Each structure stands twice: as structure tokens, then as C-alpha cells.
Amino acid sequence: TFRLTPFPYNKIIAGLTNDPLTSFVEFNKNEFLIGTMGAGIIRINRKNGTHSLITKKEGLPNNTINSLINDKQGNTWISTNRGIVYLNPAGKVNSMLDYNGWSQNEFNMNSAYLDPKGNLFFGGIFGLVYFNPSIVNKTKTALFPIITKVSFHKKTTRYPKGFINEAKLKHLAYEFQ
């Protein structure tokens, strides 16, 4: 007879999120990744039972994970509601991609495909995009800038004390490091 068996890591998953699960992929021979609809990615090591969350804090553009898919180079590609990034084999999120020519950055759930030639396809709200991940232009520019210093009327402070409107911005000196 056919029998459904509860997943052995359900208690770990429930302890990390109440969000629906959206995708599942083997990351390496000891780990797997579970996409969620708001908590990012759950990473579980089945050999030693350790687990962690991969979220915007680690570089995801959004915590809504629509698809997870592995390429032929060992990267796991992640589509979200704010773009596509990948997790390299070392487990680091790479968000330094050149989206030149892409007409969208919001993707649909479970709409990823790897063809026999190694091309990845992702379904988005305006149709499909595809590319070969082995030749993707990995730029040196970060997707999200990090502001480390702001100068106000020649006084430097690490954290501004108030909001800046557009009129004030024209009069302020600012610099990025």
C-alpha cells in the first residue's frame, strides 16, 4: 500500500517559520534547501542536524522564494519577488549580476527549468527569461549599495538623526566610501 511519511525535519522547519514552503532542492550531498514564502531559505544539514536561515541579511533581494534550481556548475539559483541570485557551492549568496536587458525582476512560484544545454529558464510576471549561467556577466558592482558615511553641512555622522527631503538633499554634501 501507498503510505505518506512525515518529513524527519518538520519540527525544525516549524521552529523557524510558519510561512508556506515553496520549493525544495538538494544543495550538496549533506544539505538541502527549502524555500519559503516570506522567511527566506531554510538550510538543513542532514548529516549533523544543524540548520540556518538564509535571508535578506545574507544577501537575498527578497525573503519570498519562488524557485530553487541547481545548475551544472554546482550553484543553486534562487528566484524571488525582487530578482534572481545564486548560492555558490560554498554557501555564499551572490547578488552581483548584470540584469542588462531583463524586462522583469518578479518571478512566479515553481517556474524554473534547466534544459539539457545548461540554460536556466525562469517564468516571471511578464513572460520567460533564460540564460546560460556559465556565461552570466558577474559584475563587480553590488546589487544593494552600503552607505558607510554621510556628511551634513560639513559635519560627518554615521547615522542621520532625521529624514531628508528632496529640497534639503540639494544643499547637503554627501559622500560614499
Protein backbone atom coordinates (compact mmCIF):
# COMPACT_ATOMS: atom_id res chain seq x y z
CA THR A 1 0.00 0.00 0.00
CA PHE A 2 0.92 3.60 -0.56
CA ARG A 3 2.00 5.44 2.59
CA LEU A 4 2.97 9.09 3.17
CA THR A 5 5.74 9.52 5.73
CA PRO A 6 6.25 12.73 7.72
CA PHE A 7 9.49 14.54 6.89
CA PRO A 8 12.00 14.00 9.73
CA TYR A 9 12.86 17.73 9.89
CA ASN A 10 9.30 19.08 10.23
CA LYS A 11 9.89 20.21 13.84
CA ILE A 12 12.98 22.18 12.80
CA ILE A 13 11.07 23.82 9.94
CA ALA A 14 8.12 24.68 12.18
CA GLY A 15 10.52 26.23 14.69
CA LEU A 16 11.97 28.51 12.01
CA THR A 17 8.85 29.67 10.15
CA ASN A 18 5.09 29.49 9.87
CA ASP A 19 5.29 30.54 6.21
CA PRO A 20 4.26 28.14 3.44
CA LEU A 21 7.09 26.15 1.83
CA THR A 22 7.58 26.89 -1.86
CA SER A 23 10.50 24.83 -3.15
CA PHE A 24 12.98 22.15 -2.20
CA VAL A 25 16.40 21.27 -3.63
CA GLU A 26 19.43 19.24 -2.65
CA PHE A 27 22.28 21.71 -2.10
CA ASN A 28 25.08 19.17 -1.71
CA LYS A 29 25.30 15.54 -0.58
CA ASN A 30 24.73 16.50 3.07
CA GLU A 31 22.46 19.53 2.83
CA PHE A 32 19.19 20.62 1.32
CA LEU A 33 17.46 23.97 0.92
CA ILE A 34 13.79 24.78 1.41
CA GLY A 35 12.32 27.99 0.00
CA THR A 36 9.61 29.77 1.96
CA MET A 37 7.02 32.41 1.22
CA GLY A 38 8.49 35.08 3.46
CA ALA A 39 11.21 33.65 5.72
CA GLY A 40 13.90 33.18 3.06
CA ILE A 41 15.63 29.81 2.67
CA ILE A 42 15.92 27.11 5.31
CA ARG A 43 19.24 25.25 5.07
CA ILE A 44 19.38 21.89 6.84
CA ASN A 45 22.38 19.59 7.17
CA ARG A 46 21.00 16.06 7.28
CA LYS A 47 24.33 14.61 8.45
CA ASN A 48 24.62 16.59 11.71
CA GLY A 49 21.14 18.17 12.00
CA THR A 50 22.36 21.78 12.01
CA HIS A 51 20.14 24.35 10.36
CA SER A 52 20.08 28.04 9.49
CA LEU A 53 18.10 30.66 7.61
CA ILE A 54 19.36 32.48 4.54
CA THR A 55 17.56 35.83 4.31
CA LYS A 56 17.92 39.40 3.05
CA LYS A 57 20.54 39.83 5.77
CA GLU A 58 22.76 37.32 3.91
CA GLY A 59 22.14 38.99 0.53
CA LEU A 60 18.79 37.77 -0.81
CA PRO A 61 16.90 40.53 -2.62
CA ASN A 62 13.64 39.37 -1.01
CA ASN A 63 12.59 36.72 1.51
CA THR A 64 9.86 35.32 -0.76
CA ILE A 65 11.50 32.38 -2.54
CA ASN A 66 9.69 31.34 -5.70
CA SER A 67 12.08 28.74 -7.13
CA LEU A 68 15.31 26.94 -6.28
CA ILE A 69 17.22 25.13 -9.03
CA ASN A 70 20.77 23.79 -9.37
CA ASP A 71 22.94 24.49 -12.39
CA LYS A 72 25.70 22.29 -13.84
CA GLN A 73 28.44 24.30 -12.06
CA GLY A 74 27.12 23.49 -8.56
CA ASN A 75 25.37 26.81 -7.94
CA THR A 76 21.80 26.97 -6.68
CA TRP A 77 19.76 29.68 -8.41
CA ILE A 78 17.07 31.46 -6.45
CA SER A 79 14.17 33.41 -7.94
CA THR A 80 12.32 35.85 -5.71
CA ASN A 81 9.82 38.68 -5.97
CA ARG A 82 12.77 41.07 -6.40
CA GLY A 83 15.15 39.29 -8.75
CA ILE A 84 17.37 36.28 -9.21
CA VAL A 85 20.54 35.48 -7.26
CA TYR A 86 22.56 32.34 -6.71
CA LEU A 87 24.13 30.48 -3.84
CA ASN A 88 27.62 29.30 -4.72
CA PRO A 89 28.89 25.85 -3.61
CA ALA A 90 30.48 27.47 -0.53
CA GLY A 91 27.04 28.73 0.54
CA LYS A 92 27.54 32.45 -0.17
CA VAL A 93 24.74 34.44 -1.83
CA ASN A 94 25.93 36.19 -4.98
CA SER A 95 23.75 39.14 -5.88
CA MET A 96 26.28 40.79 -8.20
CA LEU A 97 24.58 40.04 -11.50
CA ASP A 98 24.17 42.31 -14.51
CA TYR A 99 20.44 42.40 -15.33
CA ASN A 100 21.03 44.36 -18.54
CA GLY A 101 18.18 43.68 -20.93
CA TRP A 102 15.89 41.93 -18.46
CA SER A 103 12.39 43.35 -18.51
CA GLN A 104 11.40 42.00 -15.11
CA ASN A 105 12.59 41.11 -11.66
CA GLU A 106 9.48 39.47 -10.19
CA PHE A 107 9.19 35.75 -10.78
CA ASN A 108 6.49 33.12 -10.34
CA MET A 109 6.47 30.19 -7.97
CA ASN A 110 7.84 26.85 -9.23
CA SER A 111 8.67 28.26 -12.64
CA ALA A 112 12.31 27.28 -13.12
CA TYR A 113 13.78 24.82 -15.61
CA LEU A 114 17.29 23.63 -16.53
CA ASP A 115 17.50 22.42 -20.14
CA PRO A 116 19.98 19.78 -21.41
CA LYS A 117 22.33 22.52 -22.71
CA GLY A 118 22.59 24.07 -19.23
CA ASN A 119 20.33 27.07 -19.87
CA LEU A 120 18.13 28.20 -16.99
CA PHE A 121 14.58 29.39 -17.63
CA PHE A 122 12.53 31.40 -15.12
CA GLY A 123 8.89 32.37 -15.52
CA GLY A 124 8.06 35.88 -14.46
CA ILE A 125 5.09 38.18 -14.43
CA PHE A 126 5.95 39.36 -17.96
CA GLY A 127 6.92 36.01 -19.51
CA LEU A 128 10.09 33.91 -19.54
CA VAL A 129 13.72 34.89 -19.19
CA TYR A 130 16.56 32.48 -19.87
CA PHE A 131 20.34 32.49 -19.79
CA ASN A 132 23.30 30.19 -19.55
CA PRO A 133 24.66 30.54 -16.01
CA SER A 134 28.19 29.63 -17.09
CA ILE A 135 28.41 32.84 -19.14
CA VAL A 136 26.37 35.23 -16.97
CA ASN A 137 28.09 38.58 -16.58
CA LYS A 138 29.00 38.67 -12.90
CA THR A 139 29.69 42.34 -12.35
CA LYS A 140 31.82 43.83 -9.59
CA THR A 141 29.03 46.19 -8.52
CA ALA A 142 26.90 45.15 -5.55
CA LEU A 143 23.15 44.98 -6.13
CA PHE A 144 22.45 46.90 -2.91
CA PRO A 145 24.74 49.82 -2.03
CA ILE A 146 26.04 50.15 1.51
CA ILE A 147 26.27 53.74 2.76
CA THR A 148 29.03 53.97 5.33
CA LYS A 149 29.26 57.73 5.90
CA VAL A 150 27.05 60.78 5.38
CA SER A 151 28.24 64.41 5.67
CA PHE A 152 25.73 67.11 6.66
CA HIS A 153 26.93 70.70 6.14
CA LYS A 154 30.50 69.53 6.63
CA LYS A 155 29.64 67.62 9.83
CA THR A 156 30.10 63.88 9.48
CA THR A 157 27.93 61.43 11.33
CA ARG A 158 27.42 57.71 11.00
CA TYR A 159 23.64 57.76 11.38
CA PRO A 160 21.40 60.68 10.33
CA LYS A 161 19.03 61.80 13.09
CA GLY A 162 16.10 62.65 10.80
CA PHE A 163 14.65 62.19 7.37
CA ILE A 164 15.99 64.19 4.44
CA ASN A 165 13.58 65.67 1.92
CA GLU A 166 14.46 66.43 -1.69
CA ALA A 167 14.94 70.18 -1.07
CA LYS A 168 17.43 69.55 1.75
CA LEU A 169 19.26 66.98 -0.33
CA LYS A 170 20.25 69.63 -2.88
CA HIS A 171 22.05 71.57 -0.13
CA LEU A 172 23.79 68.68 1.57
CA ALA A 173 27.23 67.39 0.83
CA TYR A 174 27.36 63.61 0.81
CA GLU A 175 29.98 61.07 0.03
CA PHE A 176 30.18 57.30 -0.27
CA GLN A 177 33.06 55.15 0.85
